[in-house]
Amino acid sequence: MTAIPSLPSGASPGCQLDVEIPGTPRQGCVKAFGNMLRPGRPLTEAEIADRDEAVHNVYRVARLRGVL
């Protein structure tokens, strides 16, 4: 059995939607956030995973506290 490679996710922390190039914003995000998006250096898939893990942990704690 071969593993199915995961598709890269978008640039926004916690984004689970697929994009062609890792760390790039989806057109829906560009439209929604407009000038609030700022260009930055490209992130590796590992950096995106680390960043998203921190965001998921914050959401998890907020849900446990009843904030979300």
C-alpha atoms as a PDB file:
ATOM      1  CA  MET A   1       0.000   0.000   0.000  1.00  0.00           C
ATOM      2  CA  THR A   2       1.404   3.408  -0.930  1.00  0.00           C
ATOM      3  CA  ALA A   3       0.838   6.540   1.079  1.00  0.00           C
ATOM      4  CA  ILE A   4      -1.194   9.277  -0.531  1.00  0.00           C
ATOM      5  CA  PRO A   5       0.846  12.484  -0.507  1.00  0.00           C
ATOM      6  CA  SER A   6      -0.877  15.355   1.221  1.00  0.00           C
ATOM      7  CA  LEU A   7      -1.669  18.414  -0.827  1.00  0.00           C
ATOM      8  CA  PRO A   8      -0.168  21.702   0.339  1.00  0.00           C
ATOM      9  CA  SER A   9      -2.472  23.959   2.329  1.00  0.00           C
ATOM     10  CA  GLY A  10      -2.975  27.694   2.047  1.00  0.00           C
ATOM     11  CA  ALA A  11      -0.978  30.494   3.629  1.00  0.00           C
ATOM     12  CA  SER A  12      -3.436  31.460   6.368  1.00  0.00           C
ATOM     13  CA  PRO A  13      -2.711  29.817   9.731  1.00  0.00           C
ATOM     14  CA  GLY A  14      -5.009  26.865  10.161  1.00  0.00           C
ATOM     15  CA  CYS A  15      -6.045  26.831   6.505  1.00  0.00           C
ATOM     16  CA  GLN A  16      -6.971  23.302   5.482  1.00  0.00           C
ATOM     17  CA  LEU A  17      -7.832  24.092   1.879  1.00  0.00           C
ATOM     18  CA  ASP A  18      -5.580  22.816  -0.879  1.00  0.00           C
ATOM     19  CA  VAL A  19      -3.357  25.034  -3.012  1.00  0.00           C
ATOM     20  CA  GLU A  20      -0.915  24.221  -5.797  1.00  0.00           C
ATOM     21  CA  ILE A  21       2.095  25.913  -4.183  1.00  0.00           C
ATOM     22  CA  PRO A  22       2.638  25.518  -0.412  1.00  0.00           C
ATOM     23  CA  GLY A  23       2.128  28.705   1.564  1.00  0.00           C
ATOM     24  CA  THR A  24       0.457  30.717  -1.170  1.00  0.00           C
ATOM     25  CA  PRO A  25      -2.888  32.381  -0.477  1.00  0.00           C
ATOM     26  CA  ARG A  26      -5.984  31.082  -2.194  1.00  0.00           C
ATOM     27  CA  GLN A  27      -7.874  33.509  -4.416  1.00  0.00           C
ATOM     28  CA  GLY A  28     -10.761  33.472  -1.928  1.00  0.00           C
ATOM     29  CA  CYS A  29      -8.380  34.666   0.802  1.00  0.00           C
ATOM     30  CA  VAL A  30      -6.925  37.352  -1.465  1.00  0.00           C
ATOM     31  CA  LYS A  31     -10.450  38.566  -2.186  1.00  0.00           C
ATOM     32  CA  ALA A  32     -11.554  38.394   1.474  1.00  0.00           C
ATOM     33  CA  PHE A  33      -8.453  39.914   3.084  1.00  0.00           C
ATOM     34  CA  GLY A  34      -7.237  42.200   0.289  1.00  0.00           C
ATOM     35  CA  ASN A  35      -4.606  44.678   1.481  1.00  0.00           C
ATOM     36  CA  MET A  36      -4.313  42.962   4.864  1.00  0.00           C
ATOM     37  CA  LEU A  37      -2.264  40.207   3.201  1.00  0.00           C
ATOM     38  CA  ARG A  38       1.407  41.084   3.090  1.00  0.00           C
ATOM     39  CA  PRO A  39       4.061  39.334   1.047  1.00  0.00           C
ATOM     40  CA  GLY A  40       6.602  37.391   3.040  1.00  0.00           C
ATOM     41  CA  ARG A  41       9.250  34.811   2.460  1.00  0.00           C
ATOM     42  CA  PRO A  42       8.018  31.430   1.284  1.00  0.00           C
ATOM     43  CA  LEU A  43       7.525  28.905   4.093  1.00  0.00           C
ATOM     44  CA  THR A  44       8.512  25.287   3.846  1.00  0.00           C
ATOM     45  CA  GLU A  45       5.869  22.635   4.405  1.00  0.00           C
ATOM     46  CA  ALA A  46       7.516  21.860   7.775  1.00  0.00           C
ATOM     47  CA  GLU A  47       7.313  25.532   8.831  1.00  0.00           C
ATOM     48  CA  ILE A  48       3.656  25.652   7.812  1.00  0.00           C
ATOM     49  CA  ALA A  49       2.955  22.486   9.812  1.00  0.00           C
ATOM     50  CA  ASP A  50       4.707  23.919  12.910  1.00  0.00           C
ATOM     51  CA  ARG A  51       2.826  27.206  12.623  1.00  0.00           C
ATOM     52  CA  ASP A  52      -0.504  25.484  12.102  1.00  0.00           C
ATOM     53  CA  GLU A  53       0.080  23.150  15.047  1.00  0.00           C
ATOM     54  CA  ALA A  54       0.448  26.191  17.315  1.00  0.00           C
ATOM     55  CA  VAL A  55      -2.772  27.688  15.924  1.00  0.00           C
ATOM     56  CA  HIS A  56      -4.650  24.397  16.374  1.00  0.00           C
ATOM     57  CA  ASN A  57      -3.421  24.224  19.990  1.00  0.00           C
ATOM     58  CA  VAL A  58      -4.746  27.726  20.707  1.00  0.00           C
ATOM     59  CA  TYR A  59      -8.131  26.795  19.218  1.00  0.00           C
ATOM     60  CA  ARG A  60      -8.162  23.534  21.207  1.00  0.00           C
ATOM     61  CA  VAL A  61      -7.557  25.397  24.491  1.00  0.00           C
ATOM     62  CA  ALA A  62     -10.221  27.970  23.616  1.00  0.00           C
ATOM     63  CA  ARG A  63     -12.758  25.205  22.937  1.00  0.00           C
ATOM     64  CA  LEU A  64     -11.885  23.493  26.232  1.00  0.00           C
ATOM     65  CA  ARG A  65     -12.439  26.785  28.064  1.00  0.00           C
ATOM     66  CA  GLY A  66     -15.769  27.265  26.320  1.00  0.00           C
ATOM     67  CA  VAL A  67     -14.632  30.363  24.444  1.00  0.00           C
ATOM     68  CA  LEU A  68     -15.315  28.815  21.028  1.00  0.00           C
END
